[in-house]
Amino acid sequence: MAQQHLDPTDPVAGPAPTGDALAGYLRAQATEFLRALRLHRETGSGASGSEGSVDAARALRRSARRISASLHTFQPLLDTDWCEGMRPELAWVSGTLAMEHAYTARLERLLSALHRLSGSTALPAKTAGTAADAADVAAGSRAAGAAPVPQRAAPRHAELRTPPTPAQERGNLTVGAAKAGALLDRQLTLARTRAHSTALQALGSSRFHAIADKVAVLASEVPLTRSAAGTDLRPLAAAAKDRLTDAVAALPLLTAGHPYNAAALIHGLSPDTVPHPQDAPWHQVRLLLRLHRYAREAIRGEPNGNSVVDLRLLSAGQALNRHRDASEAAAAAAQAARTPRIAPATAYALGVLHADQRHEVEAARFAFQQAWQKEAVSTR
């Protein structure tokens, strides 16, 4: 049987953590930020970025999120002007560094879905495209504002000499799916490259250096208020938990508790290009759940966030992460389908892919509902 842990926001959980505990947590996160920044500079950041620089960027984002979340939750115990100046800057750092990884993961998710939907078990190696493929890719380039890349057609005699076997036919993508994959690859690779360049420019900017200087000061001196040393952190952490509970209560969990209800497909054919309005409350719950988790870390004094893991909260958070990823992947497929002058088979494949990702949204909502209901039952 899984071990049960007391909620640290509960008054019976132990001695009251005060502003000193918050200061220790913030100093630890600032130290992690500076360590990740040093690692990023040592590993370098070329056109594609080494594995070490990717890990360093991930650590930078992680520390920036935790510092920003703590400033939000425990702002009454910190200097107000300092908090108001730091929070948007840390959000800028985290958001800028996250974009390259997001585009990479989105492309991988969509290509994997295309192969799954086509009955292919693995991603085949890239081959030279046909004239129709080149037209779709060029259309994607024009829509993204980039110069088209010349495409090399496979020799005609090569196709005649080695006809595909039935097994190869089943293992490869259909024509429409192949064109859709090429279009998505072109658009999202271009977006990822731009995000990488933007991140490099941000890390070398005077704005980022100013943030790094403030974080360096935070590593040794936390701007607490005079009363913070004797103030219990738990009421503020409990308020963060209440905000999460209220936001979850506003979700249609009763509907999400029934699998394959297709609620996420509503308005799927709407001409409106903005994200699905029904997704916004779920994204908000994801952010509030993160604030709640980080507040628990601060109270427990866990700088790395992995000393004590609440498996129910972890499962709920993972479901919401999948919800966000599927929602954004569906939006990318819909955006690609709006590319002018693409072949009907390409548009059809992108439509199937969009519907598939919206079903993934539905599945993630169902998984969150299951995880959250288990938490609610276990804490009665």
Protein backbone atom coordinates (compact mmCIF):
# COMPACT_ATOMS: atom_id res chain seq x y z
CA MET A 1 0.00 0.00 0.00
CA ALA A 2 1.33 3.42 -0.94
CA GLN A 3 2.60 5.54 1.89
CA GLN A 4 0.37 8.49 2.73
CA HIS A 5 1.92 11.87 3.50
CA LEU A 6 0.34 14.70 5.43
CA ASP A 7 -0.50 17.81 3.48
CA PRO A 8 2.14 20.36 4.59
CA THR A 9 -0.49 23.11 4.39
CA ASP A 10 -2.42 21.37 7.19
CA PRO A 11 -1.84 22.92 10.64
CA VAL A 12 -1.32 19.43 12.12
CA ALA A 13 1.48 18.64 9.68
CA GLY A 14 4.19 19.80 12.09
CA PRO A 15 6.00 22.93 13.24
CA ALA A 16 5.00 26.11 11.45
CA PRO A 17 7.38 27.03 8.61
CA THR A 18 8.08 30.77 8.53
CA GLY A 19 9.72 33.32 6.29
CA ASP A 20 13.11 31.81 7.09
CA ALA A 21 12.05 28.59 5.33
CA LEU A 22 10.88 30.63 2.33
CA ALA A 23 14.21 32.47 2.24
CA GLY A 24 16.09 29.18 2.26
CA TYR A 25 13.97 27.82 -0.57
CA LEU A 26 14.45 30.94 -2.70
CA ARG A 27 18.20 30.96 -2.09
CA ALA A 28 18.40 27.31 -3.14
CA GLN A 29 16.44 27.97 -6.33
CA ALA A 30 18.58 31.02 -7.14
CA THR A 31 21.69 28.89 -6.68
CA GLU A 32 20.24 26.27 -9.04
CA PHE A 33 19.53 29.01 -11.58
CA LEU A 34 23.11 30.28 -11.46
CA ARG A 35 24.51 26.75 -11.66
CA ALA A 36 22.39 26.00 -14.72
CA LEU A 37 23.45 29.28 -16.32
CA ARG A 38 27.11 28.45 -15.82
CA LEU A 39 26.55 24.96 -17.28
CA HIS A 40 24.79 26.44 -20.29
CA ARG A 41 27.75 28.73 -20.98
CA GLU A 42 30.25 25.90 -20.56
CA THR A 43 28.44 23.43 -22.83
CA GLY A 44 27.98 25.99 -25.57
CA SER A 45 24.93 26.63 -27.74
CA GLY A 46 25.45 25.98 -31.39
CA ALA A 47 22.88 25.91 -34.16
CA SER A 48 21.17 22.86 -32.72
CA GLY A 49 22.44 22.94 -29.15
CA SER A 50 24.28 20.14 -27.39
CA GLU A 51 22.62 17.75 -24.98
CA GLY A 52 24.31 19.54 -22.10
CA SER A 53 23.00 22.92 -23.17
CA VAL A 54 19.50 21.48 -23.54
CA ASP A 55 19.65 20.09 -20.00
CA ALA A 56 20.99 23.42 -18.74
CA ALA A 57 18.17 25.33 -20.42
CA ARG A 58 15.66 22.94 -18.86
CA ALA A 59 17.21 23.54 -15.42
CA LEU A 60 17.08 27.30 -15.98
CA ARG A 61 13.38 27.09 -16.79
CA ARG A 62 12.71 24.88 -13.78
CA SER A 63 14.40 27.26 -11.34
CA ALA A 64 12.83 30.35 -12.91
CA ARG A 65 9.35 28.80 -12.62
CA ARG A 66 9.84 27.94 -8.96
CA ILE A 67 11.17 31.36 -8.03
CA SER A 68 8.35 33.09 -9.91
CA ALA A 69 5.70 30.83 -8.36
CA SER A 70 7.04 31.47 -4.85
CA LEU A 71 6.96 35.22 -5.45
CA HIS A 72 3.33 34.87 -6.49
CA THR A 73 2.18 32.68 -3.61
CA PHE A 74 4.17 34.31 -0.81
CA GLN A 75 4.22 37.90 -2.06
CA PRO A 76 2.84 39.35 1.24
CA LEU A 77 6.09 38.24 2.90
CA LEU A 78 8.37 39.83 0.29
CA ASP A 79 9.14 43.34 -0.87
CA THR A 80 6.25 44.28 -3.16
CA ASP A 81 8.16 46.40 -5.69
CA TRP A 82 10.87 43.77 -6.01
CA CYS A 83 8.30 41.01 -6.62
CA GLU A 84 6.41 43.05 -9.19
CA GLY A 85 9.63 43.64 -11.09
CA MET A 86 10.97 40.09 -10.92
CA ARG A 87 7.93 37.97 -11.71
CA PRO A 88 7.32 39.10 -15.33
CA GLU A 89 11.04 38.91 -16.06
CA LEU A 90 11.30 35.34 -14.80
CA ALA A 91 8.18 34.45 -16.80
CA TRP A 92 9.86 35.90 -19.89
CA VAL A 93 12.97 33.78 -19.31
CA SER A 94 10.99 30.58 -18.75
CA GLY A 95 8.67 31.17 -21.70
CA THR A 96 11.45 32.09 -24.12
CA LEU A 97 13.56 29.06 -23.25
CA ALA A 98 10.56 26.71 -23.45
CA MET A 99 9.59 27.45 -27.04
CA GLU A 100 12.32 25.45 -28.80
CA HIS A 101 11.59 22.34 -26.76
CA ALA A 102 7.85 22.81 -27.31
CA TYR A 103 8.20 22.88 -31.11
CA THR A 104 10.49 19.85 -31.07
CA ALA A 105 8.10 17.82 -28.93
CA ARG A 106 5.10 18.96 -30.99
CA LEU A 107 6.65 17.83 -34.25
CA GLU A 108 7.60 14.47 -32.79
CA ARG A 109 4.11 14.02 -31.39
CA LEU A 110 2.40 14.84 -34.68
CA LEU A 111 4.67 12.68 -36.83
CA SER A 112 4.26 9.76 -34.43
CA ALA A 113 0.49 10.19 -34.59
CA LEU A 114 0.57 10.25 -38.40
CA HIS A 115 2.44 6.94 -38.47
CA ARG A 116 0.13 5.43 -35.88
CA LEU A 117 -2.95 6.51 -37.82
CA SER A 118 -1.43 5.13 -41.05
CA GLY A 119 -0.64 1.73 -39.55
CA SER A 120 3.12 2.28 -39.63
CA THR A 121 5.10 1.21 -36.58
CA ALA A 122 8.20 3.33 -37.00
CA LEU A 123 9.30 6.63 -38.46
CA PRO A 124 10.94 5.87 -41.83
CA ALA A 125 14.10 7.60 -42.96
CA LYS A 126 13.58 10.78 -44.93
CA THR A 127 13.65 10.24 -48.69
CA ALA A 128 13.59 12.53 -51.65
CA GLY A 129 10.14 13.92 -52.26
CA THR A 130 7.97 13.87 -55.34
CA ALA A 131 6.83 16.97 -57.17
CA ALA A 132 3.55 16.93 -55.25
CA ASP A 133 5.42 16.72 -51.93
CA ALA A 134 7.62 19.63 -52.96
CA ALA A 135 4.55 21.71 -53.76
CA ASP A 136 3.05 21.11 -50.33
CA VAL A 137 6.33 21.85 -48.56
CA ALA A 138 6.83 25.01 -50.59
CA ALA A 139 3.29 26.09 -49.73
CA GLY A 140 4.12 25.64 -46.05
CA SER A 141 7.27 27.70 -46.47
CA ARG A 142 5.37 30.54 -48.11
CA ALA A 143 2.77 30.48 -45.33
CA ALA A 144 5.51 30.63 -42.69
CA GLY A 145 7.28 33.49 -44.44
CA ALA A 146 10.44 31.57 -45.36
CA ALA A 147 12.21 31.14 -48.66
CA PRO A 148 11.30 27.83 -50.32
CA VAL A 149 13.95 25.12 -50.26
CA PRO A 150 14.60 23.34 -53.59
CA GLN A 151 13.44 19.73 -53.52
CA ARG A 152 15.23 16.92 -55.33
CA ALA A 153 12.94 14.42 -57.02
CA ALA A 154 13.82 10.74 -56.90
CA PRO A 155 15.06 9.33 -60.24
CA ARG A 156 12.18 7.94 -62.23
CA HIS A 157 14.07 4.80 -63.19
CA ALA A 158 14.77 4.04 -59.51
CA GLU A 159 11.03 3.82 -58.80
CA LEU A 160 10.55 1.47 -61.74
CA ARG A 161 13.48 -0.71 -60.76
CA THR A 162 12.48 -1.30 -57.10
CA PRO A 163 8.68 -1.44 -56.76
CA PRO A 164 7.47 -1.49 -53.14
CA THR A 165 6.39 -4.83 -51.68
CA PRO A 166 3.00 -5.21 -49.94
CA ALA A 167 4.77 -5.20 -46.56
CA GLN A 168 6.51 -1.96 -47.44
CA GLU A 169 3.21 -0.52 -48.61
CA ARG A 170 1.67 -1.23 -45.22
CA GLY A 171 4.73 0.04 -43.34
CA ASN A 172 4.93 3.41 -45.10
CA LEU A 173 2.68 6.40 -44.87
CA THR A 174 -0.14 7.01 -47.28
CA VAL A 175 0.35 9.76 -49.84
CA GLY A 176 -1.75 12.28 -47.95
CA ALA A 177 -0.11 11.48 -44.61
CA ALA A 178 3.38 11.73 -46.14
CA LYS A 179 2.59 15.13 -47.58
CA ALA A 180 1.07 16.24 -44.27
CA GLY A 181 4.18 15.07 -42.43
CA ALA A 182 6.46 16.95 -44.82
CA LEU A 183 4.41 20.11 -44.40
CA LEU A 184 4.41 19.87 -40.59
CA ASP A 185 8.12 19.08 -40.58
CA ARG A 186 8.84 22.17 -42.64
CA GLN A 187 6.67 24.54 -40.62
CA LEU A 188 7.59 23.32 -37.13
CA THR A 189 11.30 22.94 -37.90
CA LEU A 190 11.33 26.53 -39.10
CA ALA A 191 9.52 27.63 -35.94
CA ARG A 192 11.95 25.64 -33.78
CA THR A 193 14.96 27.22 -35.50
CA ARG A 194 13.55 30.68 -34.94
CA ALA A 195 12.83 29.84 -31.29
CA HIS A 196 16.42 28.65 -30.85
CA SER A 197 17.75 31.91 -32.30
CA THR A 198 15.40 33.92 -30.10
CA ALA A 199 16.57 32.03 -27.01
CA LEU A 200 20.22 32.65 -27.86
CA GLN A 201 19.55 36.34 -28.38
CA ALA A 202 17.63 36.50 -25.10
CA LEU A 203 20.44 34.83 -23.12
CA GLY A 204 22.92 37.34 -24.52
CA SER A 205 20.73 40.40 -23.99
CA SER A 206 21.18 43.10 -21.37
CA ARG A 207 17.69 42.26 -20.12
CA PHE A 208 18.71 38.72 -19.24
CA HIS A 209 21.98 39.87 -17.66
CA ALA A 210 19.99 42.20 -15.43
CA ILE A 211 17.79 39.29 -14.36
CA ALA A 212 20.83 37.09 -13.70
CA ASP A 213 22.33 39.83 -11.55
CA LYS A 214 19.15 40.04 -9.47
CA VAL A 215 19.04 36.27 -9.08
CA ALA A 216 22.68 36.34 -7.96
CA VAL A 217 21.75 38.82 -5.24
CA LEU A 218 18.77 36.62 -4.31
CA ALA A 219 21.12 33.69 -3.75
CA SER A 220 22.57 35.51 -0.74
CA GLU A 221 19.92 38.05 0.27
CA VAL A 222 16.13 37.56 0.15
CA PRO A 223 14.06 40.78 0.46
CA LEU A 224 11.69 39.61 3.23
CA THR A 225 9.40 41.97 5.08
CA ARG A 226 10.07 42.68 8.73
CA SER A 227 7.22 40.47 9.91
CA ALA A 228 8.11 37.53 7.63
CA ALA A 229 10.41 35.84 10.13
CA GLY A 230 7.51 35.09 12.46
CA THR A 231 4.76 34.55 9.88
CA ASP A 232 3.40 31.06 9.18
CA LEU A 233 3.65 30.12 5.49
CA ARG A 234 0.82 27.60 5.63
CA PRO A 235 -2.14 30.01 5.29
CA LEU A 236 -0.68 31.42 2.07
CA ALA A 237 0.01 27.92 0.76
CA ALA A 238 -3.51 26.88 1.74
CA ALA A 239 -4.88 29.84 -0.24
CA ALA A 240 -3.03 28.55 -3.31
CA LYS A 241 -4.60 25.14 -2.76
CA ASP A 242 -8.05 26.71 -2.40
CA ARG A 243 -7.65 28.55 -5.69
CA LEU A 244 -6.78 25.24 -7.33
CA THR A 245 -9.76 23.49 -5.75
CA ASP A 246 -12.14 26.22 -6.88
CA ALA A 247 -10.79 26.11 -10.43
CA VAL A 248 -11.16 22.32 -10.58
CA ALA A 249 -14.71 22.61 -9.25
CA ALA A 250 -15.56 24.81 -12.25
CA LEU A 251 -14.40 22.13 -14.72
CA PRO A 252 -16.93 19.77 -16.32
CA LEU A 253 -15.53 16.78 -14.47
CA LEU A 254 -18.84 14.91 -14.70
CA THR A 255 -18.60 15.00 -18.48
CA ALA A 256 -14.88 14.24 -18.44
CA GLY A 257 -15.59 11.20 -16.29
CA HIS A 258 -17.15 9.45 -19.29
CA PRO A 259 -14.57 8.34 -21.88
CA TYR A 260 -15.10 9.07 -25.57
CA ASN A 261 -17.77 11.69 -24.97
CA ALA A 262 -16.25 13.80 -27.80
CA ALA A 263 -16.82 17.07 -25.96
CA ALA A 264 -13.34 18.20 -27.03
CA LEU A 265 -14.44 18.01 -30.68
CA ILE A 266 -17.14 20.63 -30.22
CA HIS A 267 -16.50 23.66 -32.46
CA GLY A 268 -13.86 21.62 -34.29
CA LEU A 269 -15.04 23.02 -37.64
CA SER A 270 -15.34 26.59 -36.45
CA PRO A 271 -13.66 29.16 -38.72
CA ASP A 272 -12.26 30.88 -35.65
CA THR A 273 -8.48 30.36 -35.54
CA VAL A 274 -8.05 31.17 -31.84
CA PRO A 275 -7.43 28.26 -29.43
CA HIS A 276 -10.46 26.34 -28.23
CA PRO A 277 -12.08 28.43 -25.49
CA GLN A 278 -12.99 25.24 -23.65
CA ASP A 279 -9.27 24.47 -23.19
CA ALA A 280 -8.50 27.67 -21.28
CA PRO A 281 -9.96 26.55 -17.90
CA TRP A 282 -7.95 23.33 -18.08
CA HIS A 283 -4.76 25.25 -18.84
CA GLN A 284 -5.50 27.50 -15.87
CA VAL A 285 -5.91 24.49 -13.59
CA ARG A 286 -2.56 23.21 -14.80
CA LEU A 287 -0.89 26.48 -13.76
CA LEU A 288 -2.66 26.52 -10.39
CA LEU A 289 -1.66 22.91 -9.77
CA ARG A 290 1.95 23.88 -10.40
CA LEU A 291 1.66 26.78 -7.92
CA HIS A 292 0.23 24.39 -5.34
CA ARG A 293 3.06 21.90 -5.84
CA TYR A 294 5.75 24.55 -5.56
CA ALA A 295 4.14 25.98 -2.42
CA ARG A 296 4.32 22.51 -0.85
CA GLU A 297 7.98 22.32 -1.81
CA ALA A 298 8.72 25.68 -0.19
CA ILE A 299 7.00 24.67 3.05
CA ARG A 300 8.84 21.36 3.19
CA GLY A 301 12.14 22.96 2.23
CA GLU A 302 12.66 20.75 -0.84
CA PRO A 303 14.84 22.73 -3.26
CA ASN A 304 14.82 20.00 -5.91
CA GLY A 305 11.13 19.17 -5.57
CA ASN A 306 11.69 15.42 -5.38
CA SER A 307 12.12 14.60 -1.69
CA VAL A 308 8.46 13.73 -1.12
CA VAL A 309 6.24 13.00 -4.11
CA ASP A 310 2.45 12.99 -3.96
CA LEU A 311 1.65 10.43 -6.64
CA ARG A 312 -1.91 11.67 -7.04
CA LEU A 313 -0.83 15.25 -7.70
CA LEU A 314 1.90 13.94 -9.98
CA SER A 315 -0.62 11.91 -12.01
CA ALA A 316 -2.99 14.86 -12.23
CA GLY A 317 -0.18 17.15 -13.37
CA GLN A 318 0.98 14.68 -16.01
CA ALA A 319 -2.56 14.41 -17.37
CA LEU A 320 -2.79 18.19 -17.65
CA ASN A 321 0.58 18.32 -19.39
CA ARG A 322 -0.70 15.81 -21.93
CA HIS A 323 -3.83 17.93 -22.30
CA ARG A 324 -1.75 21.01 -23.08
CA ASP A 325 0.49 19.13 -25.53
CA ALA A 326 -2.44 17.55 -27.39
CA SER A 327 -4.33 20.84 -27.55
CA GLU A 328 -1.35 22.68 -29.03
CA ALA A 329 -0.62 19.82 -31.44
CA ALA A 330 -4.22 19.92 -32.67
CA ALA A 331 -3.91 23.66 -33.21
CA ALA A 332 -0.71 23.12 -35.21
CA ALA A 333 -2.44 20.53 -37.42
CA ALA A 334 -5.37 22.88 -38.00
CA GLN A 335 -3.00 25.73 -38.84
CA ALA A 336 -1.14 23.56 -41.34
CA ALA A 337 -4.45 22.56 -42.94
CA ARG A 338 -5.13 26.25 -43.65
CA THR A 339 -2.02 26.45 -45.85
CA PRO A 340 -3.11 27.65 -49.31
CA ARG A 341 -2.94 25.36 -52.34
CA ILE A 342 -2.24 22.08 -50.59
CA ALA A 343 -3.54 18.85 -52.08
CA PRO A 344 -6.93 17.52 -50.91
CA ALA A 345 -5.29 14.34 -49.61
CA THR A 346 -2.94 16.46 -47.48
CA ALA A 347 -5.80 18.50 -46.05
CA TYR A 348 -7.73 15.32 -45.29
CA ALA A 349 -4.77 13.77 -43.46
CA LEU A 350 -4.32 16.94 -41.42
CA GLY A 351 -8.02 16.92 -40.56
CA VAL A 352 -7.78 13.33 -39.32
CA LEU A 353 -4.68 14.29 -37.34
CA HIS A 354 -6.50 17.25 -35.78
CA ALA A 355 -9.40 15.04 -34.73
CA ASP A 356 -6.98 12.47 -33.32
CA GLN A 357 -5.27 15.08 -31.15
CA ARG A 358 -8.61 16.44 -29.94
CA HIS A 359 -9.47 12.90 -28.87
CA GLU A 360 -6.14 12.89 -27.01
CA VAL A 361 -7.34 16.06 -25.29
CA GLU A 362 -10.46 14.18 -24.23
CA ALA A 363 -8.40 11.24 -22.97
CA ALA A 364 -6.21 13.57 -20.92
CA ARG A 365 -9.28 15.15 -19.33
CA PHE A 366 -10.57 11.72 -18.44
CA ALA A 367 -7.19 10.78 -16.90
CA PHE A 368 -7.16 13.99 -14.85
CA GLN A 369 -10.69 13.38 -13.65
CA GLN A 370 -9.73 9.89 -12.52
CA ALA A 371 -6.60 11.10 -10.71
CA TRP A 372 -8.38 14.02 -9.04
CA GLN A 373 -11.32 11.95 -7.88
CA LYS A 374 -8.91 9.48 -6.27
CA GLU A 375 -7.28 12.37 -4.44
CA ALA A 376 -10.63 13.71 -3.28
CA VAL A 377 -11.71 10.29 -1.98
CA SER A 378 -8.40 9.60 -0.20
CA THR A 379 -8.42 12.90 1.70
CA ARG A 380 -11.91 12.58 3.18
